[in-house]
Amino acid sequence: NDVNRWLPESAITIAELLSRAGYHTAHVGKWHLGGLHVDDTG
């Protein structure tokens, strides 16, 4: 709901596994897994 839910940080993701293997990683576009709130400065 864009308020108070998120994928736990303890979850091991494909990005983490590939990054450890030497891959560059980038996410582009919709996320909807939490953690995209900003303060007044952005």
PDB file of all heavy atoms in Angstrom:
ATOM      1  N   ASN A   1       0.803  -1.232   0.000  1.00  0.00           N
ATOM      2  CA  ASN A   1       0.000   0.000   0.000  1.00  0.00           C
ATOM      3  C   ASN A   1       0.832   1.276   0.000  1.00  0.00           C
ATOM      4  O   ASN A   1       0.290   2.364   0.241  1.00  0.00           O
ATOM      5  CB  ASN A   1      -0.937   0.003   1.203  1.00  0.00           C
ATOM      6  CG  ASN A   1      -0.179  -0.137   2.527  1.00  0.00           C
ATOM      7  OD1 ASN A   1       1.047  -0.051   2.565  1.00  0.00           O
ATOM      8  ND2 ASN A   1      -0.905  -0.359   3.610  1.00  0.00           N
ATOM      9  N   ASP A   2       2.122   1.156  -0.257  1.00  0.00           N
ATOM     10  CA  ASP A   2       3.026   2.320  -0.309  1.00  0.00           C
ATOM     11  C   ASP A   2       3.177   3.021   1.036  1.00  0.00           C
ATOM     12  O   ASP A   2       3.620   4.163   1.099  1.00  0.00           O
ATOM     13  CB  ASP A   2       2.554   3.348  -1.350  1.00  0.00           C
ATOM     14  CG  ASP A   2       2.637   2.848  -2.768  1.00  0.00           C
ATOM     15  OD1 ASP A   2       3.356   1.873  -3.003  1.00  0.00           O
ATOM     16  OD2 ASP A   2       1.976   3.425  -3.645  1.00  0.00           O
ATOM     17  N   VAL A   3       2.797   2.347   2.127  1.00  0.00           N
ATOM     18  CA  VAL A   3       2.878   2.996   3.431  1.00  0.00           C
ATOM     19  C   VAL A   3       3.863   2.273   4.350  1.00  0.00           C
ATOM     20  O   VAL A   3       4.869   2.828   4.757  1.00  0.00           O
ATOM     21  CB  VAL A   3       1.475   3.082   4.092  1.00  0.00           C
ATOM     22  CG1 VAL A   3       1.582   3.691   5.491  1.00  0.00           C
ATOM     23  CG2 VAL A   3       0.537   3.923   3.238  1.00  0.00           C
ATOM     24  N   ASN A   4       3.589   1.039   4.689  1.00  0.00           N
ATOM     25  CA  ASN A   4       4.401   0.425   5.743  1.00  0.00           C
ATOM     26  C   ASN A   4       4.697  -1.048   5.509  1.00  0.00           C
ATOM     27  O   ASN A   4       4.803  -1.820   6.444  1.00  0.00           O
ATOM     28  CB  ASN A   4       3.702   0.585   7.099  1.00  0.00           C
ATOM     29  CG  ASN A   4       2.325  -0.064   7.105  1.00  0.00           C
ATOM     30  OD1 ASN A   4       1.889  -0.612   6.098  1.00  0.00           O
ATOM     31  ND2 ASN A   4       1.650   0.006   8.244  1.00  0.00           N
ATOM     32  N   ARG A   5       4.867  -1.445   4.255  1.00  0.00           N
ATOM     33  CA  ARG A   5       5.197  -2.832   3.969  1.00  0.00           C
ATOM     34  C   ARG A   5       6.418  -2.874   3.051  1.00  0.00           C
ATOM     35  O   ARG A   5       6.601  -1.996   2.217  1.00  0.00           O
ATOM     36  CB  ARG A   5       4.007  -3.553   3.329  1.00  0.00           C
ATOM     37  CG  ARG A   5       2.723  -3.469   4.158  1.00  0.00           C
ATOM     38  CD  ARG A   5       1.738  -4.544   3.748  1.00  0.00           C
ATOM     39  NE  ARG A   5       2.185  -5.858   4.230  1.00  0.00           N
ATOM     40  CZ  ARG A   5       1.802  -7.010   3.703  1.00  0.00           C
ATOM     41  NH1 ARG A   5       0.994  -7.023   2.653  1.00  0.00           N
ATOM     42  NH2 ARG A   5       2.222  -8.150   4.208  1.00  0.00           N
ATOM     43  N   TRP A   6       7.232  -3.946   3.206  1.00  0.00           N
ATOM     44  CA  TRP A   6       8.444  -4.039   2.410  1.00  0.00           C
ATOM     45  C   TRP A   6       8.958  -5.482   2.401  1.00  0.00           C
ATOM     46  O   TRP A   6       8.592  -6.293   3.255  1.00  0.00           O
ATOM     47  CB  TRP A   6       9.527  -3.112   2.965  1.00  0.00           C
ATOM     48  CG  TRP A   6       9.945  -3.429   4.375  1.00  0.00           C
ATOM     49  CD1 TRP A   6      10.970  -4.235   4.762  1.00  0.00           C
ATOM     50  CD2 TRP A   6       9.330  -2.954   5.585  1.00  0.00           C
ATOM     51  NE1 TRP A   6      11.053  -4.300   6.135  1.00  0.00           N
ATOM     52  CE2 TRP A   6      10.056  -3.519   6.664  1.00  0.00           C
ATOM     53  CE3 TRP A   6       8.273  -2.104   5.864  1.00  0.00           C
ATOM     54  CZ2 TRP A   6       9.735  -3.259   7.994  1.00  0.00           C
ATOM     55  CZ3 TRP A   6       7.931  -1.854   7.184  1.00  0.00           C
ATOM     56  CH2 TRP A   6       8.666  -2.422   8.231  1.00  0.00           C
ATOM     57  N   LEU A   7       9.772  -5.789   1.423  1.00  0.00           N
ATOM     58  CA  LEU A   7      10.467  -7.071   1.388  1.00  0.00           C
ATOM     59  C   LEU A   7      11.572  -7.028   2.432  1.00  0.00           C
ATOM     60  O   LEU A   7      12.410  -6.126   2.422  1.00  0.00           O
ATOM     61  CB  LEU A   7      11.070  -7.304   0.000  1.00  0.00           C
ATOM     62  CG  LEU A   7      11.862  -8.602  -0.192  1.00  0.00           C
ATOM     63  CD1 LEU A   7      10.955  -9.813  -0.077  1.00  0.00           C
ATOM     64  CD2 LEU A   7      12.583  -8.591  -1.540  1.00  0.00           C
ATOM     65  N   PRO A   8      11.596  -7.980   3.389  1.00  0.00           N
ATOM     66  CA  PRO A   8      12.608  -7.936   4.450  1.00  0.00           C
ATOM     67  C   PRO A   8      14.024  -7.901   3.890  1.00  0.00           C
ATOM     68  O   PRO A   8      14.331  -8.560   2.897  1.00  0.00           O
ATOM     69  CB  PRO A   8      12.352  -9.237   5.222  1.00  0.00           C
ATOM     70  CG  PRO A   8      10.926  -9.572   4.964  1.00  0.00           C
ATOM     71  CD  PRO A   8      10.663  -9.113   3.556  1.00  0.00           C
ATOM     72  N   GLU A   9      14.868  -7.133   4.541  1.00  0.00           N
ATOM     73  CA  GLU A   9      16.247  -7.006   4.063  1.00  0.00           C
ATOM     74  C   GLU A   9      16.998  -8.326   4.143  1.00  0.00           C
ATOM     75  O   GLU A   9      17.942  -8.566   3.387  1.00  0.00           O
ATOM     76  CB  GLU A   9      16.989  -5.938   4.863  1.00  0.00           C
ATOM     77  CG  GLU A   9      18.360  -5.623   4.305  1.00  0.00           C
ATOM     78  CD  GLU A   9      19.016  -4.438   4.963  1.00  0.00           C
ATOM     79  OE1 GLU A   9      18.394  -3.824   5.848  1.00  0.00           O
ATOM     80  OE2 GLU A   9      20.158  -4.120   4.577  1.00  0.00           O
ATOM     81  N   SER A  10      16.558  -9.209   5.014  1.00  0.00           N
ATOM     82  CA  SER A  10      17.222 -10.506   5.145  1.00  0.00           C
ATOM     83  C   SER A  10      16.992 -11.410   3.940  1.00  0.00           C
ATOM     84  O   SER A  10      17.709 -12.402   3.761  1.00  0.00           O
ATOM     85  CB  SER A  10      16.729 -11.220   6.409  1.00  0.00           C
ATOM     86  OG  SER A  10      15.323 -11.435   6.354  1.00  0.00           O
ATOM     87  N   ALA A  11      16.003 -11.096   3.121  1.00  0.00           N
ATOM     88  CA  ALA A  11      15.744 -11.896   1.921  1.00  0.00           C
ATOM     89  C   ALA A  11      16.954 -11.829   0.994  1.00  0.00           C
ATOM     90  O   ALA A  11      17.478 -10.745   0.724  1.00  0.00           O
ATOM     91  CB  ALA A  11      14.493 -11.393   1.209  1.00  0.00           C
ATOM     92  N   ILE A  12      17.394 -12.959   0.503  1.00  0.00           N
ATOM     93  CA  ILE A  12      18.529 -13.018  -0.427  1.00  0.00           C
ATOM     94  C   ILE A  12      17.982 -12.952  -1.839  1.00  0.00           C
ATOM     95  O   ILE A  12      17.201 -13.811  -2.247  1.00  0.00           O
ATOM     96  CB  ILE A  12      19.356 -14.291  -0.203  1.00  0.00           C
ATOM     97  CG1 ILE A  12      19.889 -14.325   1.224  1.00  0.00           C
ATOM     98  CG2 ILE A  12      20.506 -14.361  -1.210  1.00  0.00           C
ATOM     99  CD1 ILE A  12      20.604 -15.620   1.581  1.00  0.00           C
ATOM    100  N   THR A  13      18.391 -11.956  -2.596  1.00  0.00           N
ATOM    101  CA  THR A  13      17.821 -11.714  -3.917  1.00  0.00           C
ATOM    102  C   THR A  13      18.778 -12.119  -5.031  1.00  0.00           C
ATOM    103  O   THR A  13      19.984 -12.286  -4.821  1.00  0.00           O
ATOM    104  CB  THR A  13      17.469 -10.234  -4.095  1.00  0.00           C
ATOM    105  OG1 THR A  13      18.695  -9.477  -4.183  1.00  0.00           O
ATOM    106  CG2 THR A  13      16.618  -9.701  -2.953  1.00  0.00           C
ATOM    107  N   ILE A  14      18.219 -12.232  -6.219  1.00  0.00           N
ATOM    108  CA  ILE A  14      19.023 -12.535  -7.392  1.00  0.00           C
ATOM    109  C   ILE A  14      20.077 -11.456  -7.616  1.00  0.00           C
ATOM    110  O   ILE A  14      21.209 -11.747  -8.026  1.00  0.00           O
ATOM    111  CB  ILE A  14      18.123 -12.702  -8.639  1.00  0.00           C
ATOM    112  CG1 ILE A  14      18.951 -13.012  -9.884  1.00  0.00           C
ATOM    113  CG2 ILE A  14      17.254 -11.482  -8.879  1.00  0.00           C
ATOM    114  CD1 ILE A  14      19.716 -14.290  -9.841  1.00  0.00           C
ATOM    115  N   ALA A  15      19.738 -10.198  -7.327  1.00  0.00           N
ATOM    116  CA  ALA A  15      20.713  -9.120  -7.505  1.00  0.00           C
ATOM    117  C   ALA A  15      21.899  -9.296  -6.566  1.00  0.00           C
ATOM    118  O   ALA A  15      23.059  -9.074  -6.956  1.00  0.00           O
ATOM    119  CB  ALA A  15      20.046  -7.765  -7.272  1.00  0.00           C
ATOM    120  N   GLU A  16      21.647  -9.699  -5.333  1.00  0.00           N
ATOM    121  CA  GLU A  16      22.738  -9.925  -4.385  1.00  0.00           C
ATOM    122  C   GLU A  16      23.624 -11.080  -4.828  1.00  0.00           C
ATOM    123  O   GLU A  16      24.857 -10.990  -4.772  1.00  0.00           O
ATOM    124  CB  GLU A  16      22.162 -10.206  -2.995  1.00  0.00           C
ATOM    125  CG  GLU A  16      21.473  -9.020  -2.351  1.00  0.00           C
ATOM    126  CD  GLU A  16      20.847  -9.383  -1.020  1.00  0.00           C
ATOM    127  OE1 GLU A  16      19.672  -9.793  -1.002  1.00  0.00           O
ATOM    128  OE2 GLU A  16      21.544  -9.256   0.009  1.00  0.00           O
ATOM    129  N   LEU A  17      23.009 -12.163  -5.258  1.00  0.00           N
ATOM    130  CA  LEU A  17      23.779 -13.331  -5.668  1.00  0.00           C
ATOM    131  C   LEU A  17      24.637 -13.032  -6.896  1.00  0.00           C
ATOM    132  O   LEU A  17      25.810 -13.424  -6.964  1.00  0.00           O
ATOM    133  CB  LEU A  17      22.833 -14.496  -5.951  1.00  0.00           C
ATOM    134  CG  LEU A  17      22.111 -15.069  -4.724  1.00  0.00           C
ATOM    135  CD1 LEU A  17      20.986 -16.006  -5.162  1.00  0.00           C
ATOM    136  CD2 LEU A  17      23.084 -15.789  -3.810  1.00  0.00           C
ATOM    137  N   LEU A  18      24.069 -12.332  -7.860  1.00  0.00           N
ATOM    138  CA  LEU A  18      24.834 -12.011  -9.061  1.00  0.00           C
ATOM    139  C   LEU A  18      25.901 -10.960  -8.766  1.00  0.00           C
ATOM    140  O   LEU A  18      26.993 -11.001  -9.336  1.00  0.00           O
ATOM    141  CB  LEU A  18      23.890 -11.538 -10.163  1.00  0.00           C
ATOM    142  CG  LEU A  18      22.942 -12.603 -10.730  1.00  0.00           C
ATOM    143  CD1 LEU A  18      22.044 -12.009 -11.808  1.00  0.00           C
ATOM    144  CD2 LEU A  18      23.718 -13.794 -11.292  1.00  0.00           C
ATOM    145  N   SER A  19      25.598 -10.038  -7.886  1.00  0.00           N
ATOM    146  CA  SER A  19      26.595  -9.024  -7.519  1.00  0.00           C
ATOM    147  C   SER A  19      27.811  -9.675  -6.865  1.00  0.00           C
ATOM    148  O   SER A  19      28.960  -9.328  -7.172  1.00  0.00           O
ATOM    149  CB  SER A  19      25.961  -7.999  -6.577  1.00  0.00           C
ATOM    150  OG  SER A  19      26.893  -7.003  -6.224  1.00  0.00           O
ATOM    151  N   ARG A  20      27.564 -10.631  -5.990  1.00  0.00           N
ATOM    152  CA  ARG A  20      28.684 -11.348  -5.350  1.00  0.00           C
ATOM    153  C   ARG A  20      29.519 -12.097  -6.381  1.00  0.00           C
ATOM    154  O   ARG A  20      30.714 -12.341  -6.169  1.00  0.00           O
ATOM    155  CB  ARG A  20      28.133 -12.338  -4.318  1.00  0.00           C
ATOM    156  CG  ARG A  20      27.454 -11.701  -3.117  1.00  0.00           C
ATOM    157  CD  ARG A  20      26.787 -12.776  -2.261  1.00  0.00           C
ATOM    158  NE  ARG A  20      25.870 -12.203  -1.285  1.00  0.00           N
ATOM    159  CZ  ARG A  20      25.022 -12.925  -0.554  1.00  0.00           C
ATOM    160  NH1 ARG A  20      24.989 -14.246  -0.687  1.00  0.00           N
ATOM    161  NH2 ARG A  20      24.218 -12.327   0.306  1.00  0.00           N
ATOM    162  N   ALA A  21      28.884 -12.466  -7.482  1.00  0.00           N
ATOM    163  CA  ALA A  21      29.584 -13.202  -8.538  1.00  0.00           C
ATOM    164  C   ALA A  21      30.248 -12.278  -9.549  1.00  0.00           C
ATOM    165  O   ALA A  21      30.741 -12.744 -10.578  1.00  0.00           O
ATOM    166  CB  ALA A  21      28.605 -14.137  -9.249  1.00  0.00           C
ATOM    167  N   GLY A  22      30.253 -10.984  -9.281  1.00  0.00           N
ATOM    168  CA  GLY A  22      30.950 -10.041 -10.139  1.00  0.00           C
ATOM    169  C   GLY A  22      30.088  -9.321 -11.150  1.00  0.00           C
ATOM    170  O   GLY A  22      30.605  -8.573 -11.987  1.00  0.00           O
ATOM    171  N   TYR A  23      28.785  -9.499 -11.096  1.00  0.00           N
ATOM    172  CA  TYR A  23      27.884  -8.812 -12.018  1.00  0.00           C
ATOM    173  C   TYR A  23      27.637  -7.375 -11.564  1.00  0.00           C
ATOM    174  O   TYR A  23      27.528  -7.094 -10.368  1.00  0.00           O
ATOM    175  CB  TYR A  23      26.533  -9.527 -12.073  1.00  0.00           C
ATOM    176  CG  TYR A  23      26.443 -10.658 -13.083  1.00  0.00           C
ATOM    177  CD1 TYR A  23      27.158 -11.842 -12.891  1.00  0.00           C
ATOM    178  CD2 TYR A  23      25.637 -10.551 -14.204  1.00  0.00           C
ATOM    179  CE1 TYR A  23      27.072 -12.892 -13.798  1.00  0.00           C
ATOM    180  CE2 TYR A  23      25.547 -11.587 -15.123  1.00  0.00           C
ATOM    181  CZ  TYR A  23      26.267 -12.753 -14.919  1.00  0.00           C
ATOM    182  OH  TYR A  23      26.171 -13.775 -15.830  1.00  0.00           O
ATOM    183  N   HIS A  24      27.540  -6.472 -12.532  1.00  0.00           N
ATOM    184  CA  HIS A  24      26.968  -5.156 -12.263  1.00  0.00           C
ATOM    185  C   HIS A  24      25.454  -5.323 -12.213  1.00  0.00           C
ATOM    186  O   HIS A  24      24.879  -6.131 -12.952  1.00  0.00           O
ATOM    187  CB  HIS A  24      27.332  -4.177 -13.373  1.00  0.00           C
ATOM    188  CG  HIS A  24      28.801  -3.947 -13.530  1.00  0.00           C
ATOM    189  ND1 HIS A  24      29.561  -3.320 -12.572  1.00  0.00           N
ATOM    190  CD2 HIS A  24      29.654  -4.267 -14.534  1.00  0.00           C
ATOM    191  CE1 HIS A  24      30.815  -3.251 -12.968  1.00  0.00           C
ATOM    192  NE2 HIS A  24      30.908  -3.835 -14.160  1.00  0.00           N
ATOM    193  N   THR A  25      24.781  -4.558 -11.358  1.00  0.00           N
ATOM    194  CA  THR A  25      23.341  -4.722 -11.197  1.00  0.00           C
ATOM    195  C   THR A  25      22.640  -3.372 -11.215  1.00  0.00           C
ATOM    196  O   THR A  25      23.153  -2.389 -10.673  1.00  0.00           O
ATOM    197  CB  THR A  25      23.006  -5.443  -9.881  1.00  0.00           C
ATOM    198  OG1 THR A  25      23.524  -4.675  -8.784  1.00  0.00           O
ATOM    199  CG2 THR A  25      23.603  -6.841  -9.849  1.00  0.00           C
ATOM    200  N   ALA A  26      21.462  -3.333 -11.818  1.00  0.00           N
ATOM    201  CA  ALA A  26      20.668  -2.106 -11.821  1.00  0.00           C
ATOM    202  C   ALA A  26      19.195  -2.465 -11.888  1.00  0.00           C
ATOM    203  O   ALA A  26      18.798  -3.407 -12.590  1.00  0.00           O
ATOM    204  CB  ALA A  26      21.038  -1.205 -13.000  1.00  0.00           C
ATOM    205  N   HIS A  27      18.388  -1.712 -11.171  1.00  0.00           N
ATOM    206  CA  HIS A  27      16.933  -1.835 -11.253  1.00  0.00           C
ATOM    207  C   HIS A  27      16.378  -0.579 -11.902  1.00  0.00           C
ATOM    208  O   HIS A  27      16.734   0.537 -11.527  1.00  0.00           O
ATOM    209  CB  HIS A  27      16.304  -2.011  -9.872  1.00  0.00           C
ATOM    210  CG  HIS A  27      14.807  -1.956  -9.916  1.00  0.00           C
ATOM    211  ND1 HIS A  27      14.044  -3.030 -10.277  1.00  0.00           N
ATOM    212  CD2 HIS A  27      13.939  -0.922  -9.708  1.00  0.00           C
ATOM    213  CE1 HIS A  27      12.765  -2.687 -10.272  1.00  0.00           C
ATOM    214  NE2 HIS A  27      12.677  -1.410  -9.934  1.00  0.00           N
ATOM    215  N   VAL A  28      15.451  -0.777 -12.833  1.00  0.00           N
ATOM    216  CA  VAL A  28      14.829   0.334 -13.550  1.00  0.00           C
ATOM    217  C   VAL A  28      13.321   0.112 -13.559  1.00  0.00           C
ATOM    218  O   VAL A  28      12.846  -0.963 -13.931  1.00  0.00           O
ATOM    219  CB  VAL A  28      15.342   0.430 -15.008  1.00  0.00           C
ATOM    220  CG1 VAL A  28      14.742   1.647 -15.695  1.00  0.00           C
ATOM    221  CG2 VAL A  28      16.863   0.486 -15.040  1.00  0.00           C
ATOM    222  N   GLY A  29      12.550   1.139 -13.159  1.00  0.00           N
ATOM    223  CA  GLY A  29      11.105   1.068 -13.277  1.00  0.00           C
ATOM    224  C   GLY A  29      10.403   0.844 -11.948  1.00  0.00           C
ATOM    225  O   GLY A  29      10.945   1.087 -10.876  1.00  0.00           O
ATOM    226  N   LYS A  30       9.168   0.369 -12.047  1.00  0.00           N
ATOM    227  CA  LYS A  30       8.350   0.145 -10.850  1.00  0.00           C
ATOM    228  C   LYS A  30       9.073  -0.804  -9.891  1.00  0.00           C
ATOM    229  O   LYS A  30       9.744  -1.743 -10.317  1.00  0.00           O
ATOM    230  CB  LYS A  30       7.001  -0.436 -11.263  1.00  0.00           C
ATOM    231  CG  LYS A  30       6.065  -0.721 -10.089  1.00  0.00           C
ATOM    232  CD  LYS A  30       4.718  -1.222 -10.560  1.00  0.00           C
ATOM    233  CE  LYS A  30       3.813  -1.560  -9.388  1.00  0.00           C
ATOM    234  NZ  LYS A  30       2.464  -2.008  -9.816  1.00  0.00           N
ATOM    235  N   TRP A  31       8.873  -0.590  -8.596  1.00  0.00           N
ATOM    236  CA  TRP A  31       9.495  -1.422  -7.573  1.00  0.00           C
ATOM    237  C   TRP A  31       8.407  -2.112  -6.742  1.00  0.00           C
ATOM    238  O   TRP A  31       8.245  -3.305  -6.770  1.00  0.00           O
ATOM    239  CB  TRP A  31      10.404  -0.565  -6.691  1.00  0.00           C
ATOM    240  CG  TRP A  31      11.055  -1.252  -5.540  1.00  0.00           C
ATOM    241  CD1 TRP A  31      10.825  -1.040  -4.210  1.00  0.00           C
ATOM    242  CD2 TRP A  31      12.079  -2.256  -5.585  1.00  0.00           C
ATOM    243  NE1 TRP A  31      11.623  -1.833  -3.422  1.00  0.00           N
ATOM    244  CE2 TRP A  31      12.405  -2.601  -4.251  1.00  0.00           C
ATOM    245  CE3 TRP A  31      12.735  -2.911  -6.613  1.00  0.00           C
ATOM    246  CZ2 TRP A  31      13.363  -3.556  -3.923  1.00  0.00           C
ATOM    247  CZ3 TRP A  31      13.698  -3.864  -6.308  1.00  0.00           C
ATOM    248  CH2 TRP A  31      13.995  -4.174  -4.978  1.00  0.00           C
ATOM    249  N   HIS A  32       7.676  -1.353  -5.982  1.00  0.00           N
ATOM    250  CA  HIS A  32       6.524  -1.807  -5.196  1.00  0.00           C
ATOM    251  C   HIS A  32       6.864  -2.913  -4.206  1.00  0.00           C
ATOM    252  O   HIS A  32       6.058  -3.796  -3.922  1.00  0.00           O
ATOM    253  CB  HIS A  32       5.365  -2.231  -6.102  1.00  0.00           C
ATOM    254  CG  HIS A  32       4.040  -1.721  -5.596  1.00  0.00           C
ATOM    255  ND1 HIS A  32       2.836  -2.064  -6.142  1.00  0.00           N
ATOM    256  CD2 HIS A  32       3.758  -0.877  -4.566  1.00  0.00           C
ATOM    257  CE1 HIS A  32       1.859  -1.463  -5.503  1.00  0.00           C
ATOM    258  NE2 HIS A  32       2.387  -0.738  -4.545  1.00  0.00           N
ATOM    259  N   LEU A  33       8.082  -2.828  -3.654  1.00  0.00           N
ATOM    260  CA  LEU A  33       8.487  -3.733  -2.582  1.00  0.00           C
ATOM    261  C   LEU A  33       8.994  -2.962  -1.372  1.00  0.00           C
ATOM    262  O   LEU A  33       9.717  -3.498  -0.533  1.00  0.00           O
ATOM    263  CB  LEU A  33       9.566  -4.704  -3.081  1.00  0.00           C
ATOM    264  CG  LEU A  33       9.073  -5.811  -4.008  1.00  0.00           C
ATOM    265  CD1 LEU A  33      10.232  -6.611  -4.569  1.00  0.00           C
ATOM    266  CD2 LEU A  33       8.089  -6.732  -3.301  1.00  0.00           C
ATOM    267  N   GLY A  34       8.592  -1.687  -1.275  1.00  0.00           N
ATOM    268  CA  GLY A  34       8.912  -0.894  -0.105  1.00  0.00           C
ATOM    269  C   GLY A  34      10.209  -0.123  -0.222  1.00  0.00           C
ATOM    270  O   GLY A  34      11.029  -0.346  -1.108  1.00  0.00           O
ATOM    271  N   GLY A  35      10.382   0.825   0.720  1.00  0.00           N
ATOM    272  CA  GLY A  35      11.642   1.549   0.833  1.00  0.00           C
ATOM    273  C   GLY A  35      11.844   2.703  -0.115  1.00  0.00           C
ATOM    274  O   GLY A  35      12.979   3.139  -0.312  1.00  0.00           O
ATOM    275  N   LEU A  36      10.761   3.258  -0.701  1.00  0.00           N
ATOM    276  CA  LEU A  36      10.910   4.354  -1.659  1.00  0.00           C
ATOM    277  C   LEU A  36      10.183   5.603  -1.185  1.00  0.00           C
ATOM    278  O   LEU A  36       9.499   6.279  -1.944  1.00  0.00           O
ATOM    279  CB  LEU A  36      10.404   3.920  -3.045  1.00  0.00           C
ATOM    280  CG  LEU A  36      11.200   2.802  -3.715  1.00  0.00           C
ATOM    281  CD1 LEU A  36      10.626   2.485  -5.084  1.00  0.00           C
ATOM    282  CD2 LEU A  36      12.671   3.157  -3.840  1.00  0.00           C
ATOM    283  N   HIS A  37      10.348   5.913   0.090  1.00  0.00           N
ATOM    284  CA  HIS A  37       9.818   7.149   0.650  1.00  0.00           C
ATOM    285  C   HIS A  37      10.962   8.151   0.807  1.00  0.00           C
ATOM    286  O   HIS A  37      12.114   7.756   1.013  1.00  0.00           O
ATOM    287  CB  HIS A  37       9.177   6.901   2.012  1.00  0.00           C
ATOM    288  CG  HIS A  37       8.022   5.951   1.965  1.00  0.00           C
ATOM    289  ND1 HIS A  37       7.394   5.485   3.100  1.00  0.00           N
ATOM    290  CD2 HIS A  37       7.377   5.368   0.919  1.00  0.00           C
ATOM    291  CE1 HIS A  37       6.412   4.662   2.762  1.00  0.00           C
ATOM    292  NE2 HIS A  37       6.394   4.573   1.448  1.00  0.00           N
ATOM    293  N   VAL A  38      10.654   9.439   0.714  1.00  0.00           N
ATOM    294  CA  VAL A  38      11.687  10.475   0.807  1.00  0.00           C
ATOM    295  C   VAL A  38      11.322  11.505   1.878  1.00  0.00           C
ATOM    296  O   VAL A  38      10.145  11.660   2.233  1.00  0.00           O
ATOM    297  CB  VAL A  38      11.886  11.193  -0.552  1.00  0.00           C
ATOM    298  CG1 VAL A  38      12.388  10.219  -1.604  1.00  0.00           C
ATOM    299  CG2 VAL A  38      10.601  11.871  -1.012  1.00  0.00           C
ATOM    300  N   ASP A  39      12.341  12.220   2.343  1.00  0.00           N
ATOM    301  CA  ASP A  39      12.091  13.327   3.275  1.00  0.00           C
ATOM    302  C   ASP A  39      11.858  14.613   2.495  1.00  0.00           C
ATOM    303  O   ASP A  39      11.770  14.596   1.254  1.00  0.00           O
ATOM    304  CB  ASP A  39      13.239  13.472   4.271  1.00  0.00           C
ATOM    305  CG  ASP A  39      14.580  13.792   3.612  1.00  0.00           C
ATOM    306  OD1 ASP A  39      14.589  14.260   2.442  1.00  0.00           O
ATOM    307  OD2 ASP A  39      15.621  13.583   4.263  1.00  0.00           O
ATOM    308  N   ASP A  40      11.789  15.737   3.189  1.00  0.00           N
ATOM    309  CA  ASP A  40      11.474  17.007   2.530  1.00  0.00           C
ATOM    310  C   ASP A  40      12.558  17.457   1.561  1.00  0.00           C
ATOM    311  O   ASP A  40      12.302  18.271   0.668  1.00  0.00           O
ATOM    312  CB  ASP A  40      11.256  18.098   3.586  1.00  0.00           C
ATOM    313  CG  ASP A  40       9.992  17.878   4.402  1.00  0.00           C
ATOM    314  OD1 ASP A  40       9.116  17.130   3.914  1.00  0.00           O
ATOM    315  OD2 ASP A  40       9.895  18.425   5.514  1.00  0.00           O
ATOM    316  N   THR A  41      13.765  16.935   1.717  1.00  0.00           N
ATOM    317  CA  THR A  41      14.855  17.307   0.813  1.00  0.00           C
ATOM    318  C   THR A  41      14.938  16.376  -0.400  1.00  0.00           C
ATOM    319  O   THR A  41      15.755  16.599  -1.285  1.00  0.00           O
ATOM    320  CB  THR A  41      16.204  17.279   1.548  1.00  0.00           C
ATOM    321  OG1 THR A  41      16.565  15.924   1.842  1.00  0.00           O
ATOM    322  CG2 THR A  41      16.133  18.086   2.841  1.00  0.00           C
ATOM    323  N   GLY A  42      14.108  15.349  -0.417  1.00  0.00           N
ATOM    324  CA  GLY A  42      14.143  14.399  -1.526  1.00  0.00           C
ATOM    325  C   GLY A  42      15.060  13.223  -1.313  1.00  0.00           C
ATOM    326  O   GLY A  42      15.250  12.401  -2.224  1.00  0.00           O
TER     327      GLY A  42
END
